[in-house]
Amino acid sequence: MAKLTQQIQKSFIERLGQLTRSTTSLRARMRQRFEAFSTPTEAEAEPAPAQALTRVSAAPDGECLYAIGDIHGRHDLLERLIDQIKQDRQTLPEGTKCTIVFLGDYIDRGLQSRSVIDFLISDRLDSFETVFLMGNHEEALLRFYHDASFGKQWVRYGGGETLYSYGFQPPNTRSSLTSHEAMQAAKKAWDQVWTGFRDRLPKEHLEFYASLKTHHIAGDYLFVHAGVRPDVPLDQQSDRDMLWIRDEFLDDAAEFEHVIVHGHTPADDVFRDNRRIGLDTGAFISGRLSAARLFGTDVSFLETSPS
């Protein structure tokens, strides 16, 4: 039974990763396949070989960087991973500076979303330097905070679980398009949730969400939630790309000035090549919350095991 459950989780993560790839890229791939079938070729192309890991990247001297992927409301896994990091820290040379970079998406999809934020702003991490990046799900919460009409869209990708964690039940508005009266009732229900959420969201939580950074640079690494747009200088990158980009970043072959450490796109395992390190392992469903450990030129990984 446990093996079957893991297979189901793996399949779900794979499907989620596929579904979240952009439609623009999907259309491009479909067009390429159509052209391949339409154009005679002398021989079938061989699949591209896996890229050899040849790039040497380094953390700042005397500093160990831990980067944690998408948490998505799994406070239980976060506690376990922080315990692992604390144990690992004991193996470092005395005087080493330890920094934890959180890659965003602390909330949504998991019912412990509020508890995750309570943990992150508590004194439990005081022995570390911390960097908190914004994910697209935190951006969504802030958008809802300022615009009640966004709630219907937010709950489609996990905002309902966050609202539940703060003590609110999202309105059931599936029938809101059946009549004008139903639409008005749905709007009123969302206005009530929105007003209550704004009134009861702890001030410390709002300040935390508003303080989140879009990116962080340390040594040879650039930390960002989703990725960056190829061929665009860092100072010209848009916030939207850094929070939302997928295929244009993932599918490009060129190396960046820094190795990009990111989350956002779930996969069954951590990913590493000469361009990027991907750390979203679908924790909210898989039970695997992953972190990269970057010390000197060494790169290794920590993760929670599914219970």
Protein backbone atom coordinates (compact mmCIF):
# COMPACT_ATOMS: atom_id res chain seq x y z
CA MET A 1 0.00 0.00 0.00
CA ALA A 2 2.81 2.44 0.88
CA LYS A 3 4.51 1.71 -2.45
CA LEU A 4 1.25 2.30 -4.31
CA THR A 5 0.74 5.61 -2.49
CA GLN A 6 4.23 6.75 -3.46
CA GLN A 7 3.56 5.81 -7.09
CA ILE A 8 0.33 7.83 -7.05
CA GLN A 9 2.16 10.82 -5.52
CA LYS A 10 4.93 10.56 -8.12
CA SER A 11 2.40 10.44 -10.93
CA PHE A 12 0.55 13.45 -9.49
CA ILE A 13 3.74 15.51 -9.26
CA GLU A 14 4.70 14.62 -12.81
CA ARG A 15 1.25 15.62 -14.07
CA LEU A 16 1.33 18.84 -12.05
CA GLY A 17 4.70 19.75 -13.51
CA GLN A 18 3.39 19.09 -16.99
CA LEU A 19 0.15 21.01 -16.48
CA THR A 20 1.98 24.07 -15.20
CA ARG A 21 4.13 24.40 -18.30
CA SER A 22 3.03 27.38 -20.34
CA THR A 23 0.61 27.07 -23.25
CA THR A 24 2.95 29.17 -25.36
CA SER A 25 5.66 26.57 -25.15
CA LEU A 26 3.15 23.78 -25.67
CA ARG A 27 2.02 25.35 -28.92
CA ALA A 28 5.64 25.75 -29.99
CA ARG A 29 6.40 22.08 -29.31
CA MET A 30 3.27 21.00 -31.19
CA ARG A 31 4.32 23.16 -34.15
CA GLN A 32 7.80 21.66 -34.12
CA ARG A 33 6.39 18.15 -34.09
CA PHE A 34 4.02 18.96 -36.97
CA GLU A 35 6.90 20.36 -39.01
CA ALA A 36 8.99 17.29 -38.24
CA PHE A 37 6.25 15.03 -39.60
CA SER A 38 5.69 17.28 -42.61
CA THR A 39 9.35 17.58 -43.67
CA PRO A 40 11.18 14.52 -45.06
CA THR A 41 14.40 13.68 -43.24
CA GLU A 42 17.14 11.26 -44.12
CA ALA A 43 17.59 9.92 -40.60
CA GLU A 44 15.86 10.15 -37.27
CA ALA A 45 17.58 12.57 -34.88
CA GLU A 46 19.23 11.04 -31.86
CA PRO A 47 17.98 12.29 -28.44
CA ALA A 48 20.20 14.93 -26.89
CA PRO A 49 22.66 13.43 -24.38
CA ALA A 50 22.42 14.39 -20.74
CA GLN A 51 24.51 17.44 -19.98
CA ALA A 52 27.76 16.70 -18.20
CA LEU A 53 28.13 18.61 -14.94
CA THR A 54 31.29 20.60 -15.57
CA ARG A 55 30.65 24.00 -14.03
CA VAL A 56 32.30 24.78 -10.71
CA SER A 57 30.40 27.27 -8.59
CA ALA A 58 31.20 28.52 -5.12
CA ALA A 59 29.45 29.95 -2.10
CA PRO A 60 31.02 33.00 -0.39
CA ASP A 61 34.13 32.19 1.64
CA GLY A 62 33.29 31.13 5.18
CA GLU A 63 29.56 30.84 4.49
CA CYS A 64 27.32 27.81 4.10
CA LEU A 65 24.12 28.44 2.17
CA TYR A 66 21.03 26.31 2.64
CA ALA A 67 18.25 26.89 0.08
CA ILE A 68 14.80 25.47 0.81
CA GLY A 69 12.25 24.75 -1.91
CA ASP A 70 8.49 25.25 -2.00
CA ILE A 71 6.90 24.48 1.39
CA HIS A 72 3.23 24.97 0.45
CA GLY A 73 1.66 24.79 3.88
CA ARG A 74 3.64 21.82 5.21
CA HIS A 75 4.76 23.09 8.61
CA ASP A 76 5.43 19.53 9.71
CA LEU A 77 7.99 18.99 6.94
CA LEU A 78 9.58 22.40 7.53
CA GLU A 79 10.22 21.55 11.18
CA ARG A 80 11.86 18.27 10.19
CA LEU A 81 14.04 19.85 7.52
CA ILE A 82 15.20 22.64 9.83
CA ASP A 83 16.18 19.97 12.37
CA GLN A 84 18.26 18.27 9.67
CA ILE A 85 19.92 21.56 8.79
CA LYS A 86 20.74 22.20 12.44
CA GLN A 87 22.34 18.77 12.68
CA ASP A 88 24.28 19.32 9.46
CA ARG A 89 25.54 22.66 10.74
CA GLN A 90 27.40 20.82 13.49
CA THR A 91 29.69 19.30 10.83
CA LEU A 92 30.87 22.69 9.54
CA PRO A 93 34.12 24.38 10.63
CA GLU A 94 33.75 26.57 13.69
CA GLY A 95 32.88 30.14 12.82
CA THR A 96 31.11 29.31 9.56
CA LYS A 97 28.29 31.70 8.75
CA CYS A 98 25.07 29.78 8.05
CA THR A 99 22.38 31.33 5.88
CA ILE A 100 19.03 29.82 4.96
CA VAL A 101 17.46 31.12 1.76
CA PHE A 102 13.76 30.33 1.46
CA LEU A 103 12.68 30.27 -2.18
CA GLY A 104 9.05 31.26 -1.66
CA ASP A 105 5.65 29.55 -1.88
CA TYR A 106 5.29 29.09 1.86
CA ILE A 107 1.50 28.99 1.63
CA ASP A 108 -1.39 27.51 -0.39
CA ARG A 109 -2.24 23.87 -1.14
CA GLY A 110 -1.37 22.82 2.42
CA LEU A 111 -3.66 23.39 5.41
CA GLN A 112 -0.78 24.42 7.71
CA SER A 113 -0.09 27.60 5.72
CA ARG A 114 -0.62 29.98 8.64
CA SER A 115 1.53 27.77 10.88
CA VAL A 116 4.37 27.96 8.37
CA ILE A 117 4.37 31.75 8.58
CA ASP A 118 4.15 31.64 12.38
CA PHE A 119 7.26 29.45 12.36
CA LEU A 120 9.20 31.60 9.90
CA ILE A 121 8.68 34.81 11.88
CA SER A 122 9.32 33.19 15.27
CA ASP A 123 12.66 33.00 17.08
CA ARG A 124 13.20 29.41 15.91
CA LEU A 125 15.57 30.58 13.16
CA ASP A 126 17.46 33.20 15.16
CA SER A 127 20.72 31.23 15.05
CA PHE A 128 20.76 31.52 11.23
CA GLU A 129 20.96 34.37 8.81
CA THR A 130 17.73 34.21 6.82
CA VAL A 131 16.62 35.40 3.40
CA PHE A 132 12.94 35.15 2.46
CA LEU A 133 12.00 35.33 -1.22
CA MET A 134 8.55 35.91 -2.61
CA GLY A 135 6.75 33.19 -4.53
CA ASN A 136 3.83 33.59 -6.89
CA HIS A 137 1.50 32.28 -4.16
CA GLU A 138 2.50 35.03 -1.73
CA GLU A 139 1.97 37.52 -4.53
CA ALA A 140 -1.51 36.04 -4.97
CA LEU A 141 -2.32 36.49 -1.28
CA LEU A 142 -1.26 40.13 -1.42
CA ARG A 143 -3.33 40.64 -4.54
CA PHE A 144 -6.38 39.22 -2.77
CA TYR A 145 -5.65 41.41 0.24
CA HIS A 146 -6.09 44.44 -2.02
CA ASP A 147 -8.76 43.07 -4.37
CA ALA A 148 -11.67 40.92 -3.20
CA SER A 149 -12.55 39.91 -6.77
CA PHE A 150 -9.29 37.97 -7.06
CA GLY A 151 -10.41 35.40 -4.50
CA LYS A 152 -12.22 33.22 -7.05
CA GLN A 153 -9.02 32.89 -9.06
CA TRP A 154 -6.75 32.42 -6.03
CA VAL A 155 -8.65 29.40 -4.72
CA ARG A 156 -8.20 27.62 -8.05
CA TYR A 157 -4.52 27.09 -7.30
CA GLY A 158 -4.44 26.56 -3.56
CA GLY A 159 -5.61 29.74 -1.88
CA GLY A 160 -8.57 27.97 -0.28
CA GLU A 161 -6.27 26.02 2.02
CA THR A 162 -4.60 29.25 3.12
CA LEU A 163 -7.96 30.85 3.88
CA TYR A 164 -8.96 27.77 5.89
CA SER A 165 -5.72 28.02 7.87
CA TYR A 166 -6.63 31.61 8.82
CA GLY A 167 -10.12 30.55 9.86
CA PHE A 168 -12.14 31.36 6.74
CA GLN A 169 -14.18 29.12 4.48
CA PRO A 170 -14.02 30.11 0.81
CA PRO A 171 -17.48 30.65 -0.69
CA ASN A 172 -18.84 27.92 -2.93
CA THR A 173 -19.43 29.92 -6.08
CA ARG A 174 -19.70 27.16 -8.68
CA SER A 175 -23.29 28.11 -9.44
CA SER A 176 -22.61 31.84 -9.59
CA LEU A 177 -22.97 31.97 -13.36
CA THR A 178 -26.50 30.54 -13.41
CA SER A 179 -28.21 33.85 -12.80
CA HIS A 180 -27.63 37.48 -11.97
CA GLU A 181 -28.87 36.86 -8.43
CA ALA A 182 -26.38 34.02 -7.98
CA MET A 183 -23.54 36.23 -9.20
CA GLN A 184 -24.49 38.95 -6.76
CA ALA A 185 -24.70 36.45 -3.89
CA ALA A 186 -21.25 35.10 -4.75
CA LYS A 187 -19.79 38.60 -4.85
CA LYS A 188 -21.31 39.40 -1.48
CA ALA A 189 -19.93 36.17 0.01
CA TRP A 190 -16.43 36.94 -1.26
CA ASP A 191 -16.67 40.53 0.02
CA GLN A 192 -17.46 39.17 3.50
CA VAL A 193 -14.50 36.78 3.44
CA TRP A 194 -12.23 39.52 2.13
CA THR A 195 -13.28 41.99 4.82
CA GLY A 196 -12.79 39.43 7.57
CA PHE A 197 -9.44 38.33 6.18
CA ARG A 198 -8.13 41.89 6.06
CA ASP A 199 -9.35 42.53 9.60
CA ARG A 200 -7.92 39.34 11.11
CA LEU A 201 -4.71 38.80 9.17
CA PRO A 202 -2.02 39.33 11.84
CA LYS A 203 -0.04 42.51 11.33
CA GLU A 204 3.21 40.54 11.60
CA HIS A 205 2.07 38.25 8.78
CA LEU A 206 1.18 41.13 6.47
CA GLU A 207 4.54 42.75 7.18
CA PHE A 208 6.27 39.46 6.40
CA TYR A 209 4.47 39.05 3.07
CA ALA A 210 5.17 42.65 2.12
CA SER A 211 8.88 42.36 2.97
CA LEU A 212 9.66 39.41 0.69
CA LYS A 213 12.44 39.87 -1.87
CA THR A 214 12.39 38.87 -5.53
CA HIS A 215 15.93 37.50 -5.60
CA HIS A 216 19.18 37.11 -3.69
CA ILE A 217 22.79 36.79 -4.87
CA ALA A 218 25.51 35.06 -2.88
CA GLY A 219 28.80 33.95 -4.39
CA ASP A 220 28.21 32.29 -7.75
CA TYR A 221 24.52 31.69 -7.03
CA LEU A 222 21.36 33.62 -7.84
CA PHE A 223 18.36 32.58 -5.76
CA VAL A 224 14.91 33.27 -7.20
CA HIS A 225 11.49 31.66 -6.93
CA ALA A 226 10.72 30.66 -10.52
CA GLY A 227 13.69 31.57 -12.70
CA VAL A 228 14.86 34.35 -14.97
CA ARG A 229 14.32 35.23 -18.61
CA PRO A 230 17.26 34.24 -20.83
CA ASP A 231 19.31 37.01 -22.47
CA VAL A 232 17.92 39.68 -20.15
CA PRO A 233 20.30 41.39 -17.66
CA LEU A 234 19.40 40.90 -14.02
CA ASP A 235 18.62 44.57 -13.46
CA GLN A 236 16.08 44.38 -16.31
CA GLN A 237 14.33 41.19 -15.19
CA SER A 238 10.65 41.67 -14.42
CA ASP A 239 9.15 40.69 -11.09
CA ARG A 240 6.54 38.65 -12.94
CA ASP A 241 9.17 36.51 -14.67
CA MET A 242 11.07 35.91 -11.44
CA LEU A 243 7.83 34.73 -9.79
CA TRP A 244 6.09 32.95 -12.68
CA ILE A 245 8.40 31.99 -15.56
CA ARG A 246 8.64 28.34 -16.59
CA ASP A 247 9.41 27.03 -20.07
CA GLU A 248 11.37 29.97 -21.43
CA PHE A 249 13.75 29.54 -18.50
CA LEU A 250 13.69 25.77 -18.09
CA ASP A 251 14.10 24.90 -21.77
CA ASP A 252 16.85 27.35 -22.64
CA ALA A 253 20.35 25.87 -22.97
CA ALA A 254 22.56 28.90 -22.36
CA GLU A 255 24.29 29.30 -19.02
CA PHE A 256 23.70 32.40 -16.92
CA GLU A 257 26.28 34.49 -15.12
CA HIS A 258 25.19 32.78 -11.90
CA VAL A 259 23.89 29.30 -11.22
CA ILE A 260 20.16 29.80 -10.69
CA VAL A 261 18.71 28.19 -7.55
CA HIS A 262 14.92 28.06 -7.80
CA GLY A 263 11.66 26.30 -6.99
CA HIS A 264 8.21 26.83 -8.57
CA THR A 265 8.10 23.91 -11.00
CA PRO A 266 7.50 20.62 -9.14
CA ALA A 267 9.48 17.51 -10.03
CA ASP A 268 9.96 14.11 -8.49
CA ASP A 269 13.60 14.83 -7.62
CA VAL A 270 15.88 17.81 -7.22
CA PHE A 271 17.47 18.91 -10.48
CA ARG A 272 21.00 20.11 -11.09
CA ASP A 273 22.94 20.96 -14.21
CA ASN A 274 25.39 23.70 -15.25
CA ARG A 275 22.60 26.29 -15.41
CA ARG A 276 20.31 25.70 -12.48
CA ILE A 277 19.35 23.83 -9.32
CA GLY A 278 15.63 23.08 -8.99
CA LEU A 279 14.34 22.36 -5.50
CA ASP A 280 10.54 22.03 -5.75
CA THR A 281 9.81 18.37 -5.06
CA GLY A 282 6.08 18.78 -4.53
CA ALA A 283 6.27 18.71 -0.74
CA PHE A 284 2.57 19.33 -0.19
CA ILE A 285 1.69 15.97 -1.79
CA SER A 286 4.96 14.00 -1.83
CA GLY A 287 6.11 14.57 1.75
CA ARG A 288 9.55 15.47 0.37
CA LEU A 289 10.71 18.97 1.21
CA SER A 290 14.15 19.55 -0.28
CA ALA A 291 17.09 21.84 0.40
CA ALA A 292 20.43 22.46 -1.27
CA ARG A 293 23.57 22.76 0.85
CA LEU A 294 26.16 25.03 -0.80
CA PHE A 295 29.52 25.26 0.93
CA GLY A 296 32.71 26.18 -0.85
CA THR A 297 32.43 24.43 -4.19
CA ASP A 298 30.49 21.53 -2.69
CA VAL A 299 26.83 21.01 -3.57
CA SER A 300 24.73 18.46 -1.71
CA PHE A 301 21.10 18.00 -0.78
CA LEU A 302 18.93 17.41 2.27
CA GLU A 303 15.30 16.36 2.21
CA THR A 304 12.53 14.97 4.36
CA SER A 305 11.41 11.42 3.67
CA PRO A 306 7.73 10.63 3.04
CA SER A 307 6.21 9.29 6.26
